[in-house]
Amino acid sequence: MAFPSNVYLANMEERHFIIYDLEATCWRSRAPKQVEVIEIGAVKVDESLQIIDEFCAFVKPKLHPKISPFCTELTSITQRDVDGAPPFDEAAEAFEDWIAPQEVRTVLMSWGEFDKRQLLSDGRLHQVDMPWLRYHACLQHHYSKWKGSKNQIGLKSAMELEGLYYSGTQHRAIEDARNMARLFQVIAKPMNLLQQ
């Protein structure tokens, strides 16, 4: 697994793995609409594979502030959840403060490429620079390759392959992040993710 070589800063000895997931606006219709982040969920894991903290924030969308009934049905996120939430720029700043990339070496990991692409998309929309996002790995890609699968393996399937079960509500960012962190605790050593 190749991480950017400059992820390791000489003056930082500690390293955290930020296992994160996003939920975004969605609609039943295929009409093209720009999707936006409505929830950021993340779990912080240290090098001894201990879960040390969590982050969860709802985000108020800018372009399409009304949450569709389909989106609520899929994610359980309601209009009330996002109405009182901060806009993306504030949520991203709070997320960065929680990650603390200036203090600790960090690698962000998501299950799939959607999450990084969506953060970048919302960053462009809100003119937010996220340099810490350069240190990102797609855990799904590396896991699927490690398993010798030609297809990408879903999170729930990966957990089952490792003798785990999915706990909580699917399609909620914090729940997906918690489950992904549990999976990471099991696969990190066999996959040599800690040696990178």
C-alpha atoms as a PDB file:
ATOM      1  CA  MET A   1       0.000   0.000   0.000  1.00  0.00           C
ATOM      2  CA  ALA A   2       1.592   3.248  -1.054  1.00  0.00           C
ATOM      3  CA  PHE A   3       1.050   6.401   0.953  1.00  0.00           C
ATOM      4  CA  PRO A   4       2.620   9.695  -0.116  1.00  0.00           C
ATOM      5  CA  SER A   5       6.205   9.668   1.140  1.00  0.00           C
ATOM      6  CA  ASN A   6       5.919  13.151   2.635  1.00  0.00           C
ATOM      7  CA  VAL A   7       3.072  12.043   4.920  1.00  0.00           C
ATOM      8  CA  TYR A   8       5.673  11.530   7.616  1.00  0.00           C
ATOM      9  CA  LEU A   9       6.881  14.781   9.090  1.00  0.00           C
ATOM     10  CA  ALA A  10      10.179  14.482  10.927  1.00  0.00           C
ATOM     11  CA  ASN A  11       9.076  16.409  14.026  1.00  0.00           C
ATOM     12  CA  MET A  12       5.994  14.266  14.603  1.00  0.00           C
ATOM     13  CA  GLU A  13       6.440  10.853  16.155  1.00  0.00           C
ATOM     14  CA  GLU A  14       2.804   9.930  16.694  1.00  0.00           C
ATOM     15  CA  ARG A  15       0.523   8.834  13.841  1.00  0.00           C
ATOM     16  CA  HIS A  16      -3.262   8.661  13.638  1.00  0.00           C
ATOM     17  CA  PHE A  17      -5.464   6.921  11.118  1.00  0.00           C
ATOM     18  CA  ILE A  18      -8.616   8.922  10.391  1.00  0.00           C
ATOM     19  CA  ILE A  19     -11.276   6.450   9.273  1.00  0.00           C
ATOM     20  CA  TYR A  20     -14.061   8.574   7.822  1.00  0.00           C
ATOM     21  CA  ASP A  21     -17.264   8.456   5.826  1.00  0.00           C
ATOM     22  CA  LEU A  22     -19.651  11.000   4.332  1.00  0.00           C
ATOM     23  CA  GLU A  23     -23.334  11.159   3.526  1.00  0.00           C
ATOM     24  CA  ALA A  24     -24.528  13.495   0.803  1.00  0.00           C
ATOM     25  CA  THR A  25     -27.741  14.876  -0.631  1.00  0.00           C
ATOM     26  CA  CYS A  26     -29.508  12.421  -2.938  1.00  0.00           C
ATOM     27  CA  TRP A  27     -32.692  12.078  -4.910  1.00  0.00           C
ATOM     28  CA  ARG A  28     -34.679   9.186  -6.333  1.00  0.00           C
ATOM     29  CA  SER A  29     -34.765  10.837  -9.770  1.00  0.00           C
ATOM     30  CA  ARG A  30     -31.726  10.654 -12.041  1.00  0.00           C
ATOM     31  CA  ALA A  31     -31.972  14.343 -12.891  1.00  0.00           C
ATOM     32  CA  PRO A  32     -28.442  15.725 -12.585  1.00  0.00           C
ATOM     33  CA  LYS A  33     -28.030  17.755  -9.425  1.00  0.00           C
ATOM     34  CA  GLN A  34     -24.793  18.556  -7.660  1.00  0.00           C
ATOM     35  CA  VAL A  35     -24.655  16.528  -4.473  1.00  0.00           C
ATOM     36  CA  GLU A  36     -23.327  18.046  -1.250  1.00  0.00           C
ATOM     37  CA  VAL A  37     -22.067  16.653   2.054  1.00  0.00           C
ATOM     38  CA  ILE A  38     -24.726  16.479   4.778  1.00  0.00           C
ATOM     39  CA  GLU A  39     -22.825  14.408   7.358  1.00  0.00           C
ATOM     40  CA  ILE A  40     -19.162  13.831   8.219  1.00  0.00           C
ATOM     41  CA  GLY A  41     -18.417  10.893  10.492  1.00  0.00           C
ATOM     42  CA  ALA A  42     -14.926   9.838  11.530  1.00  0.00           C
ATOM     43  CA  VAL A  43     -13.068   7.645  13.996  1.00  0.00           C
ATOM     44  CA  LYS A  44      -9.482   8.289  15.085  1.00  0.00           C
ATOM     45  CA  VAL A  45      -7.300   5.188  15.531  1.00  0.00           C
ATOM     46  CA  ASP A  46      -3.753   5.257  16.891  1.00  0.00           C
ATOM     47  CA  GLU A  47      -0.809   3.052  15.888  1.00  0.00           C
ATOM     48  CA  SER A  48      -1.637   0.509  18.588  1.00  0.00           C
ATOM     49  CA  LEU A  49      -5.045   0.162  16.855  1.00  0.00           C
ATOM     50  CA  GLN A  50      -6.941   1.746  19.733  1.00  0.00           C
ATOM     51  CA  ILE A  51      -9.941   3.923  18.918  1.00  0.00           C
ATOM     52  CA  ILE A  52      -9.178   7.197  20.651  1.00  0.00           C
ATOM     53  CA  ASP A  53     -11.864   9.619  19.466  1.00  0.00           C
ATOM     54  CA  GLU A  54     -14.870  10.212  17.203  1.00  0.00           C
ATOM     55  CA  PHE A  55     -16.124  13.127  15.136  1.00  0.00           C
ATOM     56  CA  CYS A  56     -19.657  13.569  13.827  1.00  0.00           C
ATOM     57  CA  ALA A  57     -21.190  16.663  12.254  1.00  0.00           C
ATOM     58  CA  PHE A  58     -24.238  17.348  10.140  1.00  0.00           C
ATOM     59  CA  VAL A  59     -23.720  19.895   7.357  1.00  0.00           C
ATOM     60  CA  LYS A  60     -26.259  22.305   5.874  1.00  0.00           C
ATOM     61  CA  PRO A  61     -26.246  22.026   2.050  1.00  0.00           C
ATOM     62  CA  LYS A  62     -26.012  25.239   0.039  1.00  0.00           C
ATOM     63  CA  LEU A  63     -27.325  24.486  -3.466  1.00  0.00           C
ATOM     64  CA  HIS A  64     -30.252  22.239  -2.540  1.00  0.00           C
ATOM     65  CA  PRO A  65     -30.987  22.913   1.138  1.00  0.00           C
ATOM     66  CA  LYS A  66     -34.163  20.783   1.161  1.00  0.00           C
ATOM     67  CA  ILE A  67     -33.475  17.134   2.001  1.00  0.00           C
ATOM     68  CA  SER A  68     -35.469  14.822  -0.262  1.00  0.00           C
ATOM     69  CA  PRO A  69     -37.776  12.191   1.255  1.00  0.00           C
ATOM     70  CA  PHE A  70     -35.634   9.582  -0.577  1.00  0.00           C
ATOM     71  CA  CYS A  71     -32.489  10.886   1.142  1.00  0.00           C
ATOM     72  CA  THR A  72     -34.139  10.731   4.564  1.00  0.00           C
ATOM     73  CA  GLU A  73     -35.389   7.223   3.818  1.00  0.00           C
ATOM     74  CA  LEU A  74     -31.897   6.111   2.763  1.00  0.00           C
ATOM     75  CA  THR A  75     -29.809   7.838   5.429  1.00  0.00           C
ATOM     76  CA  SER A  76     -32.289   8.606   8.248  1.00  0.00           C
ATOM     77  CA  ILE A  77     -30.974  12.213   8.093  1.00  0.00           C
ATOM     78  CA  THR A  78     -33.861  14.671   8.380  1.00  0.00           C
ATOM     79  CA  GLN A  79     -34.447  18.278   7.404  1.00  0.00           C
ATOM     80  CA  ARG A  80     -34.251  19.211  11.075  1.00  0.00           C
ATOM     81  CA  ASP A  81     -30.779  17.622  11.345  1.00  0.00           C
ATOM     82  CA  VAL A  82     -29.331  19.851   8.623  1.00  0.00           C
ATOM     83  CA  ASP A  83     -31.342  23.045   9.239  1.00  0.00           C
ATOM     84  CA  GLY A  84     -29.460  23.731  12.462  1.00  0.00           C
ATOM     85  CA  ALA A  85     -26.136  22.481  11.116  1.00  0.00           C
ATOM     86  CA  PRO A  86     -23.148  24.607  10.065  1.00  0.00           C
ATOM     87  CA  PRO A  87     -22.335  25.177   6.381  1.00  0.00           C
ATOM     88  CA  PHE A  88     -19.584  23.072   4.819  1.00  0.00           C
ATOM     89  CA  ASP A  89     -16.770  25.590   5.361  1.00  0.00           C
ATOM     90  CA  GLU A  90     -17.390  25.641   9.129  1.00  0.00           C
ATOM     91  CA  ALA A  91     -17.849  21.863   9.347  1.00  0.00           C
ATOM     92  CA  ALA A  92     -14.638  21.285   7.358  1.00  0.00           C
ATOM     93  CA  GLU A  93     -12.744  23.640   9.670  1.00  0.00           C
ATOM     94  CA  ALA A  94     -14.062  21.786  12.742  1.00  0.00           C
ATOM     95  CA  PHE A  95     -13.079  18.481  11.116  1.00  0.00           C
ATOM     96  CA  GLU A  96      -9.564  19.743  10.399  1.00  0.00           C
ATOM     97  CA  ASP A  97      -9.215  21.008  13.985  1.00  0.00           C
ATOM     98  CA  TRP A  98     -10.244  17.559  15.220  1.00  0.00           C
ATOM     99  CA  ILE A  99      -7.807  15.787  12.863  1.00  0.00           C
ATOM    100  CA  ALA A 100      -5.023  18.172  13.997  1.00  0.00           C
ATOM    101  CA  PRO A 101      -2.709  17.516  11.009  1.00  0.00           C
ATOM    102  CA  GLN A 102      -0.245  20.164  12.231  1.00  0.00           C
ATOM    103  CA  GLU A 103       0.272  18.247  15.480  1.00  0.00           C
ATOM    104  CA  VAL A 104       0.070  14.562  14.508  1.00  0.00           C
ATOM    105  CA  ARG A 105       0.959  12.632  11.362  1.00  0.00           C
ATOM    106  CA  THR A 106      -2.359  11.621   9.880  1.00  0.00           C
ATOM    107  CA  VAL A 107      -3.615   9.401   7.090  1.00  0.00           C
ATOM    108  CA  LEU A 108      -7.258   9.640   6.068  1.00  0.00           C
ATOM    109  CA  MET A 109      -8.963   6.440   4.949  1.00  0.00           C
ATOM    110  CA  SER A 110     -12.363   5.957   3.351  1.00  0.00           C
ATOM    111  CA  TRP A 111     -14.196   2.980   1.899  1.00  0.00           C
ATOM    112  CA  GLY A 112     -14.262   4.008  -1.762  1.00  0.00           C
ATOM    113  CA  GLU A 113     -13.154   7.084  -3.690  1.00  0.00           C
ATOM    114  CA  PHE A 114     -16.486   8.916  -3.404  1.00  0.00           C
ATOM    115  CA  ASP A 115     -15.658  10.476  -0.039  1.00  0.00           C
ATOM    116  CA  LYS A 116     -12.433  12.174  -1.111  1.00  0.00           C
ATOM    117  CA  ARG A 117     -13.993  13.356  -4.385  1.00  0.00           C
ATOM    118  CA  GLN A 118     -16.999  14.751  -2.512  1.00  0.00           C
ATOM    119  CA  LEU A 119     -14.861  16.634   0.003  1.00  0.00           C
ATOM    120  CA  LEU A 120     -12.917  18.172  -2.892  1.00  0.00           C
ATOM    121  CA  SER A 121     -16.155  19.064  -4.703  1.00  0.00           C
ATOM    122  CA  ASP A 122     -17.626  20.785  -1.647  1.00  0.00           C
ATOM    123  CA  GLY A 123     -14.267  22.426  -1.016  1.00  0.00           C
ATOM    124  CA  ARG A 124     -14.413  23.997  -4.492  1.00  0.00           C
ATOM    125  CA  LEU A 125     -18.029  25.071  -3.969  1.00  0.00           C
ATOM    126  CA  HIS A 126     -17.199  26.785  -0.671  1.00  0.00           C
ATOM    127  CA  GLN A 127     -13.649  27.859  -1.604  1.00  0.00           C
ATOM    128  CA  VAL A 128     -12.114  25.787   1.177  1.00  0.00           C
ATOM    129  CA  ASP A 129      -8.569  24.457   0.862  1.00  0.00           C
ATOM    130  CA  MET A 130      -7.971  21.081   2.496  1.00  0.00           C
ATOM    131  CA  PRO A 131      -4.251  20.249   2.133  1.00  0.00           C
ATOM    132  CA  TRP A 132      -4.571  17.459   4.735  1.00  0.00           C
ATOM    133  CA  LEU A 133      -6.730  15.540   2.238  1.00  0.00           C
ATOM    134  CA  ARG A 134      -3.603  14.736   0.180  1.00  0.00           C
ATOM    135  CA  TYR A 135      -2.735  12.036   2.710  1.00  0.00           C
ATOM    136  CA  HIS A 136      -5.605   9.759   1.780  1.00  0.00           C
ATOM    137  CA  ALA A 137      -5.942   6.057   1.066  1.00  0.00           C
ATOM    138  CA  CYS A 138      -8.917   4.147  -0.334  1.00  0.00           C
ATOM    139  CA  LEU A 139      -9.185   1.258   2.100  1.00  0.00           C
ATOM    140  CA  GLN A 140     -11.712  -0.514  -0.134  1.00  0.00           C
ATOM    141  CA  HIS A 141      -9.319  -0.566  -3.093  1.00  0.00           C
ATOM    142  CA  HIS A 142      -6.421  -1.926  -1.047  1.00  0.00           C
ATOM    143  CA  TYR A 143      -8.589  -4.482   0.757  1.00  0.00           C
ATOM    144  CA  SER A 144     -10.161  -5.757  -2.484  1.00  0.00           C
ATOM    145  CA  LYS A 145      -6.711  -6.062  -4.072  1.00  0.00           C
ATOM    146  CA  TRP A 146      -5.381  -7.867  -0.969  1.00  0.00           C
ATOM    147  CA  LYS A 147      -8.280 -10.339  -1.237  1.00  0.00           C
ATOM    148  CA  GLY A 148      -7.537 -10.878  -4.940  1.00  0.00           C
ATOM    149  CA  SER A 149     -10.974  -9.623  -5.986  1.00  0.00           C
ATOM    150  CA  LYS A 150     -11.440  -8.108  -9.442  1.00  0.00           C
ATOM    151  CA  ASN A 151     -14.460  -6.231  -8.074  1.00  0.00           C
ATOM    152  CA  GLN A 152     -14.576  -3.742  -5.235  1.00  0.00           C
ATOM    153  CA  ILE A 153     -15.788  -5.410  -2.041  1.00  0.00           C
ATOM    154  CA  GLY A 154     -18.487  -3.598  -0.065  1.00  0.00           C
ATOM    155  CA  LEU A 155     -17.901  -2.696   3.586  1.00  0.00           C
ATOM    156  CA  LYS A 156     -20.541  -5.077   4.952  1.00  0.00           C
ATOM    157  CA  SER A 157     -19.173  -7.947   2.826  1.00  0.00           C
ATOM    158  CA  ALA A 158     -15.604  -7.184   3.910  1.00  0.00           C
ATOM    159  CA  MET A 159     -16.658  -7.273   7.542  1.00  0.00           C
ATOM    160  CA  GLU A 160     -18.376 -10.622   7.041  1.00  0.00           C
ATOM    161  CA  LEU A 161     -15.251 -11.986   5.341  1.00  0.00           C
ATOM    162  CA  GLU A 162     -13.299 -11.031   8.478  1.00  0.00           C
ATOM    163  CA  GLY A 163     -15.826 -12.575  10.865  1.00  0.00           C
ATOM    164  CA  LEU A 164     -17.399  -9.260  11.880  1.00  0.00           C
ATOM    165  CA  TYR A 165     -20.954  -8.022  11.639  1.00  0.00           C
ATOM    166  CA  TYR A 166     -22.186  -4.539  10.740  1.00  0.00           C
ATOM    167  CA  SER A 167     -23.548  -2.755  13.784  1.00  0.00           C
ATOM    168  CA  GLY A 168     -25.861   0.266  13.694  1.00  0.00           C
ATOM    169  CA  THR A 169     -27.704   2.140  10.958  1.00  0.00           C
ATOM    170  CA  GLN A 170     -26.339   1.774   7.432  1.00  0.00           C
ATOM    171  CA  HIS A 171     -25.872   4.940   5.368  1.00  0.00           C
ATOM    172  CA  ARG A 172     -25.059   7.063   8.390  1.00  0.00           C
ATOM    173  CA  ALA A 173     -21.537   8.439   8.181  1.00  0.00           C
ATOM    174  CA  ILE A 174     -20.644   7.959  11.837  1.00  0.00           C
ATOM    175  CA  GLU A 175     -21.965   4.374  11.874  1.00  0.00           C
ATOM    176  CA  ASP A 176     -20.074   3.481   8.682  1.00  0.00           C
ATOM    177  CA  ALA A 177     -16.908   5.048  10.129  1.00  0.00           C
ATOM    178  CA  ARG A 178     -17.281   3.070  13.378  1.00  0.00           C
ATOM    179  CA  ASN A 179     -17.711  -0.191  11.474  1.00  0.00           C
ATOM    180  CA  MET A 180     -14.824   0.617   9.151  1.00  0.00           C
ATOM    181  CA  ALA A 181     -12.628   1.325  12.180  1.00  0.00           C
ATOM    182  CA  ARG A 182     -13.517  -2.084  13.650  1.00  0.00           C
ATOM    183  CA  LEU A 183     -12.564  -3.683  10.334  1.00  0.00           C
ATOM    184  CA  PHE A 184      -9.324  -1.657  10.234  1.00  0.00           C
ATOM    185  CA  GLN A 185      -8.396  -2.977  13.681  1.00  0.00           C
ATOM    186  CA  VAL A 186      -8.600  -6.536  12.269  1.00  0.00           C
ATOM    187  CA  ILE A 187      -6.939  -6.058   8.874  1.00  0.00           C
ATOM    188  CA  ALA A 188      -4.268  -3.410   9.580  1.00  0.00           C
ATOM    189  CA  LYS A 189      -1.574  -5.853  10.706  1.00  0.00           C
ATOM    190  CA  PRO A 190      -2.214  -8.645   8.153  1.00  0.00           C
ATOM    191  CA  MET A 191      -2.268  -6.034   5.369  1.00  0.00           C
ATOM    192  CA  ASN A 192       0.905  -4.341   6.714  1.00  0.00           C
ATOM    193  CA  LEU A 193      -0.880  -1.000   6.876  1.00  0.00           C
ATOM    194  CA  LEU A 194       1.069   0.005   9.966  1.00  0.00           C
ATOM    195  CA  GLN A 195       4.464  -0.461   8.283  1.00  0.00           C
ATOM    196  CA  GLN A 196       3.890   2.088   5.531  1.00  0.00           C
END
